[in-house]
N, C-alpha and C. Protein backbone atom coordinates (compact mmCIF):
# COMPACT_ATOMS: atom_id res chain seq x y z
N MET A 1 0.85 -1.18 0.00
CA MET A 1 0.00 0.00 0.00
C MET A 1 0.89 1.24 0.00
N ASN A 2 0.53 2.18 -0.82
CA ASN A 2 1.25 3.44 -0.92
C ASN A 2 0.37 4.55 -0.34
N ILE A 3 0.90 5.31 0.62
CA ILE A 3 0.15 6.41 1.25
C ILE A 3 0.97 7.68 1.11
N VAL A 4 0.32 8.74 0.58
CA VAL A 4 0.99 10.02 0.37
C VAL A 4 0.06 11.14 0.83
N THR A 5 0.62 12.15 1.46
CA THR A 5 -0.14 13.36 1.78
C THR A 5 0.07 14.35 0.64
N LEU A 6 -1.02 14.86 0.10
CA LEU A 6 -0.95 15.77 -1.05
C LEU A 6 -1.41 17.16 -0.65
N ASP A 7 -0.67 18.18 -1.10
CA ASP A 7 -1.20 19.53 -0.98
C ASP A 7 -2.02 19.82 -2.24
N VAL A 8 -2.72 20.93 -2.24
CA VAL A 8 -3.66 21.21 -3.35
C VAL A 8 -2.97 21.41 -4.69
N ASN A 9 -1.67 21.65 -4.70
CA ASN A 9 -0.95 21.85 -5.96
C ASN A 9 -0.31 20.58 -6.50
N HIS A 10 -0.40 19.50 -5.77
CA HIS A 10 0.24 18.26 -6.20
C HIS A 10 -0.54 17.66 -7.37
N PRO A 11 0.14 17.34 -8.48
CA PRO A 11 -0.56 16.83 -9.67
C PRO A 11 -1.25 15.48 -9.45
N SER A 12 -0.82 14.72 -8.46
CA SER A 12 -1.45 13.42 -8.21
C SER A 12 -2.89 13.55 -7.74
N TRP A 13 -3.23 14.70 -7.13
CA TRP A 13 -4.61 14.90 -6.66
C TRP A 13 -5.57 14.86 -7.85
N LEU A 14 -5.31 15.71 -8.84
CA LEU A 14 -6.19 15.74 -10.02
C LEU A 14 -6.10 14.46 -10.83
N ALA A 15 -4.92 13.86 -10.87
CA ALA A 15 -4.77 12.60 -11.61
C ALA A 15 -5.64 11.51 -10.97
N ALA A 16 -5.69 11.46 -9.65
CA ALA A 16 -6.53 10.48 -8.96
C ALA A 16 -8.01 10.76 -9.22
N LEU A 17 -8.38 12.04 -9.19
CA LEU A 17 -9.78 12.39 -9.42
C LEU A 17 -10.25 12.00 -10.82
N LYS A 18 -9.34 12.01 -11.79
CA LYS A 18 -9.71 11.62 -13.15
C LYS A 18 -10.14 10.15 -13.21
N GLN A 19 -9.70 9.36 -12.24
CA GLN A 19 -10.02 7.94 -12.22
C GLN A 19 -11.23 7.62 -11.36
N LEU A 20 -11.77 8.62 -10.66
CA LEU A 20 -12.82 8.40 -9.67
C LEU A 20 -14.04 9.27 -9.93
N PRO A 21 -15.21 8.78 -9.59
CA PRO A 21 -16.37 9.67 -9.59
C PRO A 21 -16.22 10.66 -8.44
N HIS A 22 -16.52 11.92 -8.69
CA HIS A 22 -16.34 12.94 -7.66
C HIS A 22 -17.23 14.13 -7.96
N ASP A 23 -17.30 15.04 -7.00
CA ASP A 23 -18.02 16.29 -7.23
C ASP A 23 -17.14 17.45 -6.81
N VAL A 24 -17.68 18.63 -6.81
CA VAL A 24 -16.89 19.83 -6.57
C VAL A 24 -16.19 19.81 -5.21
N TYR A 25 -16.77 19.13 -4.22
CA TYR A 25 -16.21 19.11 -2.88
C TYR A 25 -14.90 18.34 -2.78
N HIS A 26 -14.55 17.60 -3.82
CA HIS A 26 -13.30 16.86 -3.84
C HIS A 26 -12.18 17.61 -4.57
N LEU A 27 -12.52 18.68 -5.25
CA LEU A 27 -11.53 19.42 -6.04
C LEU A 27 -10.56 20.16 -5.14
N PRO A 28 -9.28 20.20 -5.52
CA PRO A 28 -8.28 20.90 -4.71
C PRO A 28 -8.62 22.37 -4.50
N ASP A 29 -9.17 23.03 -5.51
CA ASP A 29 -9.52 24.45 -5.36
C ASP A 29 -10.59 24.65 -4.29
N TYR A 30 -11.58 23.76 -4.26
CA TYR A 30 -12.61 23.87 -3.24
C TYR A 30 -12.02 23.64 -1.85
N ILE A 31 -11.17 22.63 -1.73
CA ILE A 31 -10.55 22.34 -0.44
C ILE A 31 -9.68 23.52 0.01
N ALA A 32 -8.99 24.16 -0.92
CA ALA A 32 -8.16 25.33 -0.58
C ALA A 32 -9.01 26.48 -0.05
N ILE A 33 -10.13 26.74 -0.71
CA ILE A 33 -11.03 27.82 -0.27
C ILE A 33 -11.62 27.49 1.10
N ASP A 34 -12.07 26.26 1.25
CA ASP A 34 -12.66 25.86 2.52
C ASP A 34 -11.63 25.88 3.65
N ALA A 35 -10.40 25.54 3.34
CA ALA A 35 -9.33 25.56 4.36
C ALA A 35 -9.09 26.98 4.87
N ARG A 36 -9.20 27.95 3.99
CA ARG A 36 -9.06 29.35 4.45
C ARG A 36 -10.19 29.71 5.41
N ARG A 37 -11.39 29.26 5.09
CA ARG A 37 -12.55 29.55 5.93
C ARG A 37 -12.44 28.86 7.29
N THR A 38 -11.99 27.62 7.29
CA THR A 38 -11.95 26.83 8.52
C THR A 38 -10.60 26.88 9.23
N LYS A 39 -9.65 27.58 8.60
CA LYS A 39 -8.29 27.67 9.16
C LYS A 39 -7.68 26.28 9.38
N THR A 40 -7.79 25.45 8.32
CA THR A 40 -7.23 24.11 8.34
C THR A 40 -6.25 23.95 7.19
N LEU A 41 -5.57 22.82 7.14
CA LEU A 41 -4.62 22.57 6.06
C LEU A 41 -5.34 22.02 4.84
N PRO A 42 -5.09 22.60 3.67
CA PRO A 42 -5.73 22.11 2.45
C PRO A 42 -4.95 20.91 1.89
N GLU A 43 -5.25 19.73 2.41
CA GLU A 43 -4.53 18.53 2.03
C GLU A 43 -5.50 17.38 1.80
N ALA A 44 -4.96 16.34 1.19
CA ALA A 44 -5.70 15.08 1.05
C ALA A 44 -4.70 13.94 1.24
N PHE A 45 -5.21 12.80 1.61
CA PHE A 45 -4.41 11.59 1.67
C PHE A 45 -4.73 10.76 0.44
N LEU A 46 -3.70 10.27 -0.21
CA LEU A 46 -3.88 9.38 -1.35
C LEU A 46 -3.35 8.01 -0.95
N LEU A 47 -4.24 7.05 -0.87
CA LEU A 47 -3.88 5.68 -0.55
C LEU A 47 -4.15 4.85 -1.80
N GLN A 48 -3.13 4.11 -2.24
CA GLN A 48 -3.27 3.28 -3.43
C GLN A 48 -2.74 1.89 -3.15
N GLU A 49 -3.50 0.91 -3.60
CA GLU A 49 -3.05 -0.48 -3.53
C GLU A 49 -3.64 -1.19 -4.74
N ASN A 50 -2.75 -1.70 -5.58
CA ASN A 50 -3.15 -2.34 -6.83
C ASN A 50 -4.06 -1.38 -7.60
N ASP A 51 -5.30 -1.76 -7.88
CA ASP A 51 -6.19 -0.89 -8.65
C ASP A 51 -7.15 -0.11 -7.77
N LYS A 52 -6.93 -0.11 -6.47
CA LYS A 52 -7.82 0.61 -5.54
C LYS A 52 -7.23 1.97 -5.16
N ILE A 53 -8.09 2.97 -5.10
CA ILE A 53 -7.69 4.33 -4.73
C ILE A 53 -8.63 4.84 -3.65
N PHE A 54 -8.04 5.46 -2.64
CA PHE A 54 -8.82 6.10 -1.57
C PHE A 54 -8.26 7.51 -1.43
N LEU A 55 -9.09 8.53 -1.65
CA LEU A 55 -8.62 9.92 -1.65
C LEU A 55 -9.50 10.79 -0.77
N PRO A 56 -9.33 10.74 0.54
CA PRO A 56 -10.11 11.63 1.39
C PRO A 56 -9.36 12.93 1.66
N PRO A 57 -10.00 14.08 1.48
CA PRO A 57 -9.40 15.31 1.99
C PRO A 57 -9.21 15.17 3.50
N THR A 58 -8.22 15.83 4.06
CA THR A 58 -7.91 15.65 5.47
C THR A 58 -9.10 15.98 6.36
N CYS A 59 -9.96 16.90 5.95
CA CYS A 59 -11.14 17.19 6.76
C CYS A 59 -12.03 15.97 6.89
N CYS A 60 -12.05 15.11 5.88
CA CYS A 60 -12.86 13.89 5.93
C CYS A 60 -12.27 12.86 6.87
N VAL A 61 -10.96 12.83 6.95
CA VAL A 61 -10.31 11.91 7.88
C VAL A 61 -10.71 12.29 9.30
N LEU A 62 -10.69 13.59 9.58
CA LEU A 62 -11.14 14.05 10.89
C LEU A 62 -12.60 13.68 11.11
N ALA A 63 -13.42 13.80 10.09
CA ALA A 63 -14.83 13.43 10.21
C ALA A 63 -14.99 11.96 10.55
N LEU A 64 -14.17 11.10 9.94
CA LEU A 64 -14.27 9.67 10.25
C LEU A 64 -13.85 9.38 11.69
N ILE A 65 -12.84 10.09 12.17
CA ILE A 65 -12.43 9.93 13.56
C ILE A 65 -13.56 10.36 14.49
N LEU A 66 -14.14 11.53 14.19
CA LEU A 66 -15.23 12.02 15.03
C LEU A 66 -16.46 11.11 14.94
N ALA A 67 -16.68 10.50 13.78
CA ALA A 67 -17.80 9.58 13.64
C ALA A 67 -17.63 8.39 14.58
N ASN A 68 -16.39 7.94 14.72
CA ASN A 68 -16.14 6.83 15.65
C ASN A 68 -16.40 7.26 17.09
N LEU A 69 -16.16 8.52 17.38
CA LEU A 69 -16.39 9.01 18.73
C LEU A 69 -17.85 9.35 18.98
N TRP A 70 -18.53 9.93 17.97
CA TRP A 70 -19.88 10.47 18.17
C TRP A 70 -20.99 9.67 17.51
N GLY A 71 -20.64 8.70 16.71
CA GLY A 71 -21.65 7.82 16.18
C GLY A 71 -22.11 8.09 14.76
N GLN A 72 -23.11 7.34 14.36
CA GLN A 72 -23.59 7.29 12.98
C GLN A 72 -24.12 8.62 12.47
N LYS A 73 -24.79 9.41 13.29
CA LYS A 73 -25.37 10.66 12.81
C LYS A 73 -24.30 11.58 12.24
N PHE A 74 -23.17 11.72 12.92
CA PHE A 74 -22.08 12.55 12.43
C PHE A 74 -21.50 11.96 11.15
N MET A 75 -21.35 10.65 11.11
CA MET A 75 -20.77 9.99 9.96
C MET A 75 -21.63 10.20 8.72
N THR A 76 -22.93 10.17 8.86
CA THR A 76 -23.83 10.35 7.74
C THR A 76 -23.67 11.73 7.10
N LEU A 77 -23.32 12.72 7.89
CA LEU A 77 -23.15 14.07 7.36
C LEU A 77 -21.90 14.21 6.51
N PHE A 78 -20.82 13.52 6.87
CA PHE A 78 -19.54 13.77 6.24
C PHE A 78 -19.02 12.65 5.35
N LEU A 79 -19.45 11.45 5.54
CA LEU A 79 -18.90 10.33 4.79
C LEU A 79 -19.07 10.46 3.28
N PRO A 80 -20.14 11.08 2.75
CA PRO A 80 -20.25 11.19 1.29
C PRO A 80 -19.09 11.93 0.63
N MET A 81 -18.31 12.68 1.39
CA MET A 81 -17.18 13.40 0.81
C MET A 81 -15.99 12.48 0.57
N VAL A 82 -16.00 11.29 1.12
CA VAL A 82 -14.88 10.38 0.97
C VAL A 82 -15.08 9.53 -0.28
N ILE A 83 -14.05 9.38 -1.07
CA ILE A 83 -14.12 8.65 -2.32
C ILE A 83 -13.46 7.27 -2.14
N LEU A 84 -14.13 6.25 -2.57
CA LEU A 84 -13.56 4.90 -2.55
C LEU A 84 -13.90 4.25 -3.87
N ALA A 85 -12.91 3.81 -4.59
CA ALA A 85 -13.17 3.19 -5.89
C ALA A 85 -12.21 2.04 -6.10
N SER A 86 -12.62 1.15 -6.95
CA SER A 86 -11.73 0.04 -7.33
C SER A 86 -11.83 -0.20 -8.82
C-alpha cells in the first residue's frame, strides 16, 4: 500500500480524481477555499493499492475519527465526501 499526503498543488490529486467519480467538494480548489474559511490545512491523503484508490481530503479523515467518537449521525453528514473506488 502506498500512502501520500498531497497539498492542493500536487498533480497526483487531479490525476486520482480523473479515475474516480467525484463532485466539486473533492476538487483541490474547493478544499483550498474551505481551508481558508476553517483555518485548516488544504490537504488530502492518497492511498493506493493495486487498482484501488482512496482519496479523502484531510477534513474527511477528521470526520471519520469524530464519527467513531460520536456515532452514525455525524458519519452520515460527512462520509459522502470520501471517495472509494476500485
